[in-house]
Every structure is written in C-alpha cells, then in structure tokens.
Amino acid sequence: MELRLVKKDELRRPTETPREAVADITPRRFQKFTVGKGAEYTWSVTRAEKVVQSGRATADAQGVLTIPAVTISDTPSLLRIEPNK
C-alpha cells in the first residue's frame, strides 16, 4: 500500500505541514490478505525503489497487525507486508 503525507499545496488553505512523521500503521479491511492470530509477518517500506525500513511484526490474539514506528514523508512510500514461511 502507498503511504505519504499531504503536501501544503494540495490543501485549499495555506497551512504548514510536516515533511515527515512517524506513525504506527494498523491496516484494516484487507481484501485478499488474511492476518492470522499470533502469526508473524515481515514488512518493508521502500522509497524510490530503496528499502528505507524493514522489520517483523506479530499479529495479536484478535488477528490485528500493527507495524510500529513507520516513517512517512511527503514522498510516496510503499509498505509491503508478507507472511513468514
């Protein structure tokens, strides 16, 4: 999935926006991706075809997967999540 911050020239009113932020990402409403309860996943964030972050995350007992401390900028990034085999 693509992640990016809104740029100030995309807003109707002039306002200052950050160029970078850090957030925990909890994807919802997967269409073709099943998250298993307690399952482990490998994730990566790529920007301009270079991996800028990566790690492993484990789904909780309810099957909710949270990717911690992802750096998001005003340049589009791609978050890729894959199940560990």
N, C-alpha and C. Protein backbone atom coordinates (compact mmCIF):
# COMPACT_ATOMS: atom_id res chain seq x y z
N MET A 1 0.84 -1.17 0.00
CA MET A 1 0.00 0.00 0.00
C MET A 1 0.88 1.23 0.00
N GLU A 2 0.40 2.28 -0.63
CA GLU A 2 1.17 3.52 -0.70
C GLU A 2 0.86 4.39 0.50
N LEU A 3 1.92 4.98 1.05
CA LEU A 3 1.80 5.90 2.19
C LEU A 3 2.49 7.21 1.84
N ARG A 4 1.86 8.32 2.19
CA ARG A 4 2.51 9.62 2.05
C ARG A 4 1.72 10.66 2.82
N LEU A 5 2.40 11.73 3.18
CA LEU A 5 1.76 12.87 3.82
C LEU A 5 1.24 13.83 2.76
N VAL A 6 0.19 14.54 3.09
CA VAL A 6 -0.33 15.55 2.18
C VAL A 6 0.66 16.72 2.12
N LYS A 7 0.80 17.32 0.94
CA LYS A 7 1.66 18.49 0.78
C LYS A 7 0.81 19.74 0.93
N LYS A 8 1.43 20.82 1.40
CA LYS A 8 0.65 22.02 1.67
C LYS A 8 0.01 22.60 0.42
N ASP A 9 0.59 22.40 -0.75
CA ASP A 9 -0.03 22.93 -1.97
C ASP A 9 -1.24 22.10 -2.43
N GLU A 10 -1.50 20.97 -1.77
CA GLU A 10 -2.68 20.16 -2.06
C GLU A 10 -3.89 20.57 -1.22
N LEU A 11 -3.68 21.46 -0.28
CA LEU A 11 -4.75 21.91 0.62
C LEU A 11 -5.37 23.20 0.09
N ARG A 12 -6.63 23.43 0.44
CA ARG A 12 -7.33 24.63 -0.01
C ARG A 12 -6.81 25.89 0.67
N ARG A 13 -6.47 25.76 1.92
CA ARG A 13 -5.97 26.91 2.67
C ARG A 13 -4.49 26.73 2.95
N PRO A 14 -3.74 27.82 2.89
CA PRO A 14 -2.31 27.69 3.20
C PRO A 14 -2.10 27.35 4.66
N THR A 15 -1.38 26.30 4.88
CA THR A 15 -1.05 25.87 6.24
C THR A 15 0.26 25.11 6.19
N GLU A 16 1.00 25.17 7.26
CA GLU A 16 2.26 24.44 7.32
C GLU A 16 1.98 22.97 7.58
N THR A 17 2.66 22.12 6.85
CA THR A 17 2.54 20.68 7.02
C THR A 17 3.93 20.09 7.23
N PRO A 18 4.02 19.01 7.98
CA PRO A 18 5.34 18.39 8.17
C PRO A 18 5.79 17.70 6.90
N ARG A 19 7.07 17.58 6.74
CA ARG A 19 7.62 16.83 5.59
C ARG A 19 7.81 15.36 5.94
N GLU A 20 7.78 15.07 7.27
CA GLU A 20 8.00 13.70 7.72
C GLU A 20 7.29 13.50 9.05
N ALA A 21 6.80 12.28 9.27
CA ALA A 21 6.15 11.93 10.53
C ALA A 21 6.39 10.44 10.79
N VAL A 22 6.25 10.04 12.04
CA VAL A 22 6.39 8.63 12.43
C VAL A 22 5.05 8.18 13.00
N ALA A 23 4.57 7.03 12.52
CA ALA A 23 3.27 6.53 12.97
C ALA A 23 3.29 5.00 13.04
N ASP A 24 2.45 4.47 13.93
CA ASP A 24 2.18 3.04 13.95
C ASP A 24 1.08 2.80 12.92
N ILE A 25 1.25 1.81 12.05
CA ILE A 25 0.30 1.52 10.99
C ILE A 25 -0.44 0.22 11.31
N THR A 26 -1.76 0.31 11.41
CA THR A 26 -2.60 -0.86 11.61
C THR A 26 -3.56 -0.95 10.42
N PRO A 27 -3.19 -1.73 9.40
CA PRO A 27 -4.06 -1.82 8.22
C PRO A 27 -5.39 -2.48 8.57
N ARG A 28 -6.44 -1.99 7.96
CA ARG A 28 -7.79 -2.54 8.16
C ARG A 28 -8.40 -2.87 6.80
N ARG A 29 -9.39 -3.69 6.84
CA ARG A 29 -10.18 -4.02 5.65
C ARG A 29 -9.35 -4.59 4.50
N PHE A 30 -8.50 -5.55 4.82
CA PHE A 30 -7.77 -6.25 3.77
C PHE A 30 -8.78 -6.95 2.86
N GLN A 31 -8.55 -6.92 1.57
CA GLN A 31 -9.46 -7.59 0.65
C GLN A 31 -9.01 -9.01 0.32
N LYS A 32 -7.71 -9.20 0.11
CA LYS A 32 -7.22 -10.52 -0.27
C LYS A 32 -6.04 -10.97 0.58
N PHE A 33 -5.95 -10.46 1.77
CA PHE A 33 -4.81 -10.77 2.65
C PHE A 33 -5.39 -11.13 4.01
N THR A 34 -5.12 -12.33 4.46
CA THR A 34 -5.65 -12.78 5.75
C THR A 34 -4.56 -12.70 6.81
N VAL A 35 -4.89 -12.08 7.93
CA VAL A 35 -3.96 -11.98 9.06
C VAL A 35 -4.35 -13.06 10.07
N GLY A 36 -3.39 -13.93 10.37
CA GLY A 36 -3.64 -14.99 11.33
C GLY A 36 -3.36 -14.54 12.75
N LYS A 37 -4.16 -14.99 13.68
CA LYS A 37 -3.96 -14.66 15.09
C LYS A 37 -2.60 -15.17 15.55
N GLY A 38 -1.76 -14.27 16.06
CA GLY A 38 -0.43 -14.63 16.54
C GLY A 38 0.59 -14.92 15.46
N ALA A 39 0.23 -14.74 14.19
CA ALA A 39 1.16 -15.02 13.09
C ALA A 39 2.18 -13.90 12.95
N GLU A 40 3.37 -14.25 12.45
CA GLU A 40 4.44 -13.27 12.27
C GLU A 40 4.56 -12.88 10.80
N TYR A 41 4.82 -11.60 10.57
CA TYR A 41 4.91 -11.05 9.21
C TYR A 41 6.18 -10.23 9.07
N THR A 42 6.73 -10.23 7.87
CA THR A 42 7.87 -9.39 7.53
C THR A 42 7.33 -8.20 6.76
N TRP A 43 7.83 -7.01 7.08
CA TRP A 43 7.37 -5.80 6.40
C TRP A 43 8.56 -4.98 5.94
N SER A 44 8.33 -4.17 4.92
CA SER A 44 9.36 -3.25 4.44
C SER A 44 8.70 -2.01 3.88
N VAL A 45 9.42 -0.91 3.97
CA VAL A 45 9.00 0.36 3.38
C VAL A 45 10.06 0.74 2.35
N THR A 46 9.62 0.94 1.11
CA THR A 46 10.55 1.35 0.06
C THR A 46 10.17 2.74 -0.44
N ARG A 47 11.18 3.49 -0.76
CA ARG A 47 11.01 4.83 -1.31
C ARG A 47 12.02 4.96 -2.45
N ALA A 48 11.55 5.31 -3.63
CA ALA A 48 12.42 5.40 -4.82
C ALA A 48 13.16 4.07 -5.04
N GLU A 49 12.44 2.98 -4.85
CA GLU A 49 12.95 1.63 -5.06
C GLU A 49 14.08 1.22 -4.11
N LYS A 50 14.24 1.94 -3.01
CA LYS A 50 15.23 1.59 -1.99
C LYS A 50 14.50 1.29 -0.68
N VAL A 51 14.90 0.21 -0.01
CA VAL A 51 14.31 -0.13 1.27
C VAL A 51 14.83 0.86 2.31
N VAL A 52 13.91 1.59 2.96
CA VAL A 52 14.30 2.56 3.97
C VAL A 52 14.00 2.08 5.39
N GLN A 53 13.11 1.11 5.52
CA GLN A 53 12.81 0.49 6.81
C GLN A 53 12.34 -0.93 6.57
N SER A 54 12.56 -1.78 7.55
CA SER A 54 12.04 -3.14 7.47
C SER A 54 12.03 -3.75 8.86
N GLY A 55 11.30 -4.84 8.99
CA GLY A 55 11.24 -5.50 10.29
C GLY A 55 10.25 -6.64 10.27
N ARG A 56 9.92 -7.10 11.47
CA ARG A 56 8.94 -8.17 11.66
C ARG A 56 7.91 -7.69 12.65
N ALA A 57 6.68 -8.12 12.45
CA ALA A 57 5.60 -7.78 13.36
C ALA A 57 4.72 -9.01 13.55
N THR A 58 4.15 -9.14 14.74
CA THR A 58 3.30 -10.27 15.07
C THR A 58 1.88 -9.79 15.32
N ALA A 59 0.92 -10.46 14.70
CA ALA A 59 -0.49 -10.12 14.91
C ALA A 59 -0.88 -10.48 16.34
N ASP A 60 -1.82 -9.73 16.89
CA ASP A 60 -2.26 -10.01 18.26
C ASP A 60 -3.29 -11.15 18.28
N ALA A 61 -3.85 -11.42 19.45
CA ALA A 61 -4.78 -12.53 19.63
C ALA A 61 -6.09 -12.34 18.87
N GLN A 62 -6.39 -11.12 18.45
CA GLN A 62 -7.60 -10.84 17.67
C GLN A 62 -7.31 -10.82 16.16
N GLY A 63 -6.06 -11.03 15.77
CA GLY A 63 -5.69 -11.01 14.37
C GLY A 63 -5.45 -9.61 13.82
N VAL A 64 -5.10 -8.68 14.71
CA VAL A 64 -4.81 -7.31 14.31
C VAL A 64 -3.29 -7.16 14.21
N LEU A 65 -2.83 -6.66 13.08
CA LEU A 65 -1.41 -6.49 12.83
C LEU A 65 -1.06 -5.01 12.87
N THR A 66 -0.08 -4.63 13.68
CA THR A 66 0.38 -3.24 13.75
C THR A 66 1.86 -3.19 13.43
N ILE A 67 2.19 -2.32 12.47
CA ILE A 67 3.59 -2.09 12.09
C ILE A 67 4.04 -0.86 12.86
N PRO A 68 5.00 -0.98 13.80
CA PRO A 68 5.36 0.15 14.65
C PRO A 68 6.36 1.11 14.01
N ALA A 69 6.21 2.37 14.36
CA ALA A 69 7.19 3.43 14.07
C ALA A 69 7.61 3.51 12.60
N VAL A 70 6.62 3.59 11.71
CA VAL A 70 6.90 3.74 10.28
C VAL A 70 7.10 5.22 9.98
N THR A 71 8.18 5.55 9.30
CA THR A 71 8.45 6.92 8.91
C THR A 71 7.73 7.20 7.59
N ILE A 72 6.86 8.21 7.60
CA ILE A 72 6.09 8.59 6.43
C ILE A 72 6.52 10.00 6.04
N SER A 73 6.75 10.21 4.74
CA SER A 73 7.16 11.54 4.29
C SER A 73 6.21 12.03 3.21
N ASP A 74 6.49 13.22 2.67
CA ASP A 74 5.65 13.73 1.59
C ASP A 74 6.03 13.12 0.25
N THR A 75 7.05 12.28 0.24
CA THR A 75 7.40 11.48 -0.94
C THR A 75 6.73 10.12 -0.79
N PRO A 76 6.02 9.64 -1.80
CA PRO A 76 5.32 8.36 -1.67
C PRO A 76 6.26 7.21 -1.30
N SER A 77 5.77 6.36 -0.39
CA SER A 77 6.48 5.16 0.04
C SER A 77 5.55 3.97 -0.16
N LEU A 78 6.13 2.79 -0.32
CA LEU A 78 5.35 1.58 -0.48
C LEU A 78 5.58 0.69 0.73
N LEU A 79 4.50 0.36 1.44
CA LEU A 79 4.55 -0.57 2.57
C LEU A 79 4.17 -1.94 2.05
N ARG A 80 5.07 -2.90 2.21
CA ARG A 80 4.84 -4.28 1.77
C ARG A 80 4.84 -5.18 2.99
N ILE A 81 3.82 -6.03 3.10
CA ILE A 81 3.69 -6.96 4.22
C ILE A 81 3.59 -8.37 3.64
N GLU A 82 4.41 -9.28 4.17
CA GLU A 82 4.40 -10.66 3.70
C GLU A 82 4.40 -11.60 4.89
N PRO A 83 3.65 -12.70 4.81
CA PRO A 83 3.68 -13.68 5.89
C PRO A 83 5.03 -14.40 5.94
N ASN A 84 5.50 -14.71 7.12
CA ASN A 84 6.73 -15.52 7.25
C ASN A 84 6.38 -16.95 6.92
N LYS A 85 7.30 -17.61 6.27
CA LYS A 85 7.04 -19.01 5.88
C LYS A 85 7.81 -19.96 6.73
